[in-house]
Amino acid sequence: MNPEGIIKEALERKQKALSEFDSKRLLSLYGVPVTKEELVRTPGDAVKAARALGYPVVMKACGPEITHKTEQGLVEIAIGDDEAVARAFGELTARAGGTTDILVQEMIAGRREVAFGMTRDPLYGPCVTFGLGGIFTEILGDVACRIAPFARADADAMLDEIKGAAILGAVRGMGAVDRAALCDALTGLARLALEHHEVKEIDVNPVIIAEGRPVAVDALVVLG
């Protein structure tokens, strides 16, 4: 589906945000690398998806009204076999309050995390951000930003502006991060924001660095 279709369907359903699954579908069309995943509605389909993706997997309750999934106990990680997948499906559905889509997702391993974002300032327009990811986003507030549109060179400069920029290089036996992929994602967010004024805010966090490659494991697109 094209970006217009994803956003149009959500607005027609009067959603205030895209689900994680649809957020990632939209972002992937703009160069943001995302996890391999499948949306399912039955335990049997969840098992099939997990086998196709390869164990271990992550499972999450998924819907446009579901945010802060971890705090609500709506995420299960490191699920290692068919039986555990079926059990997690039942537990997540119960915690979510009934019938809901369940996201089965490849499990990405990495020791470094960054974050992408976009907020739409009423005066200056869309502002794209880059910084440390995970819990450090809020704790340290180590963020660089640019007003869209901006050139690829500006995106590359953002990577060096955060205080924790050293984690993007080769450190403690880990190779350097793929800077080109990060720049593609940042310029893609800017393009998305400029092309779709219905998108009010974007939060892509965490983006795990796996063998030098950034992969968005969670994302939220807010509509307005």
Protein backbone atom coordinates (compact mmCIF):
# COMPACT_ATOMS: atom_id res chain seq x y z
CA MET A 1 0.00 0.00 0.00
CA ASN A 2 1.19 3.55 -0.72
CA PRO A 3 1.64 6.19 2.02
CA GLU A 4 -1.56 8.01 1.08
CA GLY A 5 -3.55 4.80 1.45
CA ILE A 6 -2.22 4.01 4.91
CA ILE A 7 -2.93 7.52 6.20
CA LYS A 8 -6.30 7.83 4.45
CA GLU A 9 -7.61 4.57 5.92
CA ALA A 10 -6.59 5.65 9.42
CA LEU A 11 -8.24 9.06 9.07
CA GLU A 12 -11.43 7.50 7.72
CA ARG A 13 -11.54 5.34 10.86
CA LYS A 14 -11.00 8.53 12.90
CA GLN A 15 -7.78 7.22 14.40
CA LYS A 16 -5.56 9.62 16.29
CA ALA A 17 -2.51 7.49 15.56
CA LEU A 18 -1.33 4.61 13.42
CA SER A 19 -0.76 1.23 14.99
CA GLU A 20 2.84 0.15 15.39
CA PHE A 21 2.43 -2.14 12.39
CA ASP A 22 1.05 0.62 10.16
CA SER A 23 3.54 3.17 11.53
CA LYS A 24 6.39 0.92 10.45
CA ARG A 25 4.80 0.22 7.09
CA LEU A 26 4.61 3.94 6.46
CA LEU A 27 8.12 4.66 7.71
CA SER A 28 9.67 1.86 5.67
CA LEU A 29 8.36 3.57 2.52
CA TYR A 30 10.53 6.57 3.46
CA GLY A 31 13.79 4.76 4.06
CA VAL A 32 13.50 3.92 7.76
CA PRO A 33 14.77 0.34 8.34
CA VAL A 34 12.24 -1.62 10.41
CA THR A 35 11.87 -5.10 11.86
CA LYS A 36 10.48 -8.01 9.92
CA GLU A 37 7.07 -8.76 11.43
CA GLU A 38 3.59 -10.11 10.82
CA LEU A 39 0.18 -9.15 12.18
CA VAL A 40 -1.94 -12.11 13.32
CA ARG A 41 -5.30 -12.76 14.99
CA THR A 42 -5.09 -16.44 15.99
CA PRO A 43 -2.60 -18.53 17.98
CA GLY A 44 -2.09 -20.80 14.97
CA ASP A 45 -1.18 -17.91 12.72
CA ALA A 46 1.14 -16.59 15.42
CA VAL A 47 3.02 -19.89 15.46
CA LYS A 48 3.28 -19.88 11.65
CA ALA A 49 4.62 -16.34 11.70
CA ALA A 50 7.17 -17.14 14.40
CA ARG A 51 8.44 -20.16 12.48
CA ALA A 52 8.79 -18.08 9.32
CA LEU A 53 10.66 -15.30 11.11
CA GLY A 54 12.81 -17.70 13.12
CA TYR A 55 13.07 -18.05 16.88
CA PRO A 56 13.39 -16.22 19.20
CA VAL A 57 10.65 -13.68 18.48
CA VAL A 58 8.94 -10.74 20.15
CA MET A 59 5.16 -10.50 20.47
CA LYS A 60 3.10 -7.37 21.14
CA ALA A 61 -0.53 -6.35 21.34
CA CYS A 62 -1.05 -4.00 18.42
CA GLY A 63 -3.64 -1.33 17.67
CA PRO A 64 -3.95 2.42 17.04
CA GLU A 65 -5.20 2.95 20.59
CA ILE A 66 -2.41 0.93 22.21
CA THR A 67 0.58 3.02 23.31
CA HIS A 68 3.15 2.53 26.10
CA LYS A 69 2.91 -1.20 25.53
CA THR A 70 5.77 -2.16 27.83
CA GLU A 71 4.28 -0.35 30.82
CA GLN A 72 0.96 -2.13 30.25
CA GLY A 73 2.53 -5.58 30.02
CA LEU A 74 1.65 -5.88 26.34
CA VAL A 75 5.08 -7.00 25.16
CA GLU A 76 6.71 -10.43 25.45
CA ILE A 77 10.32 -10.90 24.36
CA ALA A 78 12.67 -13.82 23.69
CA ILE A 79 9.87 -16.28 22.92
CA GLY A 80 11.64 -19.47 21.94
CA ASP A 81 9.18 -22.12 20.70
CA ASP A 82 5.69 -22.86 19.38
CA GLU A 83 4.20 -23.59 22.79
CA ALA A 84 5.51 -20.32 24.24
CA VAL A 85 4.10 -18.39 21.25
CA ALA A 86 0.61 -19.84 21.76
CA ARG A 87 0.78 -19.10 25.48
CA ALA A 88 1.99 -15.52 24.91
CA PHE A 89 -0.82 -14.96 22.40
CA GLY A 90 -3.43 -15.82 25.03
CA GLU A 91 -1.78 -13.75 27.76
CA LEU A 92 -1.34 -10.66 25.59
CA THR A 93 -4.92 -10.85 24.32
CA ALA A 94 -6.21 -11.11 27.89
CA ARG A 95 -4.12 -8.17 29.11
CA ALA A 96 -5.30 -6.07 26.16
CA GLY A 97 -8.89 -6.67 27.23
CA GLY A 98 -10.07 -9.02 24.53
CA THR A 99 -9.78 -9.55 20.79
CA THR A 100 -6.88 -7.61 19.33
CA ASP A 101 -4.23 -7.90 16.66
CA ILE A 102 -0.97 -9.43 17.81
CA LEU A 103 2.32 -8.45 16.24
CA VAL A 104 4.91 -11.21 15.85
CA GLN A 105 8.31 -9.64 15.29
CA GLU A 106 11.88 -10.74 14.73
CA MET A 107 14.02 -10.21 17.81
CA ILE A 108 16.86 -7.77 17.19
CA ALA A 109 19.93 -7.99 19.39
CA GLY A 110 22.29 -5.07 19.88
CA ARG A 111 24.02 -3.11 22.64
CA ARG A 112 23.51 0.36 21.16
CA GLU A 113 20.23 2.23 20.71
CA VAL A 114 19.35 5.52 19.04
CA ALA A 115 16.06 7.26 18.28
CA PHE A 116 14.48 9.25 15.45
CA GLY A 117 11.59 11.68 15.76
CA MET A 118 9.56 14.44 14.20
CA THR A 119 7.42 17.14 15.76
CA ARG A 120 5.47 19.76 13.83
CA ASP A 121 6.13 23.23 15.23
CA PRO A 122 3.25 25.67 14.54
CA LEU A 123 5.72 28.37 13.48
CA TYR A 124 8.69 26.59 11.90
CA GLY A 125 7.04 23.43 10.60
CA PRO A 126 8.40 19.87 10.88
CA CYS A 127 11.47 19.40 13.06
CA VAL A 128 13.34 16.10 12.73
CA THR A 129 15.34 14.84 15.72
CA PHE A 130 18.09 12.30 16.32
CA GLY A 131 19.50 11.15 19.65
CA LEU A 132 20.28 8.33 22.01
CA GLY A 133 17.52 5.75 22.24
CA GLY A 134 15.72 3.66 24.84
CA ILE A 135 15.37 5.12 28.33
CA PHE A 136 18.24 7.53 27.64
CA THR A 137 16.05 9.58 25.31
CA GLU A 138 14.11 11.06 28.23
CA ILE A 139 16.81 10.81 30.90
CA LEU A 140 19.65 12.56 29.04
CA GLY A 141 17.79 14.57 26.41
CA ASP A 142 20.80 14.20 24.13
CA VAL A 143 19.18 15.26 20.85
CA ALA A 144 20.10 17.06 17.63
CA CYS A 145 17.44 18.58 15.39
CA ARG A 146 16.87 20.15 11.98
CA ILE A 147 13.93 21.97 10.44
CA ALA A 148 12.75 20.25 7.25
CA PRO A 149 13.66 20.38 4.47
CA PHE A 150 17.36 19.80 4.92
CA ALA A 151 20.19 18.32 2.88
CA ARG A 152 21.81 14.94 3.40
CA ALA A 153 24.92 16.72 4.68
CA ASP A 154 22.79 18.23 7.43
CA ALA A 155 21.55 14.79 8.42
CA ASP A 156 25.14 13.57 8.61
CA ALA A 157 26.07 16.56 10.76
CA MET A 158 23.25 15.73 13.18
CA LEU A 159 24.92 12.41 13.97
CA ASP A 160 28.00 14.20 15.28
CA GLU A 161 26.13 16.84 17.28
CA ILE A 162 24.86 14.62 20.09
CA LYS A 163 27.08 14.27 23.15
CA GLY A 164 27.00 10.49 22.77
CA ALA A 165 28.17 10.56 19.15
CA ALA A 166 31.09 8.26 20.00
CA ILE A 167 28.74 5.27 20.24
CA LEU A 168 28.25 5.48 16.47
CA GLY A 169 31.90 4.66 15.88
CA ALA A 170 33.84 1.44 16.37
CA VAL A 171 33.83 0.83 20.13
CA ARG A 172 34.37 -2.14 22.48
CA GLY A 173 34.65 -4.66 19.68
CA MET A 174 31.58 -3.34 17.86
CA GLY A 175 31.91 -1.98 14.35
CA ALA A 176 30.92 1.51 13.30
CA VAL A 177 27.25 2.20 12.63
CA ASP A 178 26.05 2.48 9.04
CA ARG A 179 25.85 6.27 8.84
CA ALA A 180 24.34 6.19 5.36
CA ALA A 181 21.37 4.22 6.69
CA LEU A 182 20.89 6.72 9.52
CA CYS A 183 21.01 9.62 7.07
CA ASP A 184 18.50 7.88 4.79
CA ALA A 185 16.12 7.54 7.73
CA LEU A 186 16.46 11.17 8.85
CA THR A 187 15.99 12.64 5.39
CA GLY A 188 13.13 10.21 4.86
CA LEU A 189 11.36 11.48 7.98
CA ALA A 190 11.73 15.03 6.70
CA ARG A 191 10.26 14.08 3.33
CA LEU A 192 7.37 12.22 4.96
CA ALA A 193 6.53 15.23 7.13
CA LEU A 194 6.64 17.63 4.19
CA GLU A 195 4.50 15.40 1.97
CA HIS A 196 1.88 14.49 4.59
CA HIS A 197 0.69 17.38 6.73
CA GLU A 198 -1.76 15.03 8.48
CA VAL A 199 1.24 13.52 10.30
CA LYS A 200 1.61 15.52 13.50
CA GLU A 201 4.35 13.61 15.30
CA ILE A 202 6.67 10.62 14.79
CA ASP A 203 8.47 8.66 17.50
CA VAL A 204 10.86 5.90 16.44
CA ASN A 205 12.41 4.49 19.60
CA PRO A 206 14.37 2.41 20.09
CA VAL A 207 16.36 1.96 16.92
CA ILE A 208 18.70 -0.90 17.79
CA ILE A 209 22.11 -1.10 16.14
CA ALA A 210 22.53 -4.74 15.09
CA GLU A 211 25.95 -5.53 13.62
CA GLY A 212 26.28 -1.91 12.55
CA ARG A 213 22.81 -1.77 10.97
CA PRO A 214 20.07 0.40 12.51
CA VAL A 215 16.69 -1.31 12.88
CA ALA A 216 13.57 0.38 14.27
CA VAL A 217 11.92 -2.04 16.69
CA ASP A 218 9.10 0.29 17.77
CA ALA A 219 7.43 3.29 16.16
CA LEU A 220 4.44 5.58 16.58
CA VAL A 221 2.97 7.98 14.04
CA VAL A 222 0.50 10.48 15.51
CA LEU A 223 -2.11 12.04 13.24
CA GLY A 224 -3.69 15.45 13.60
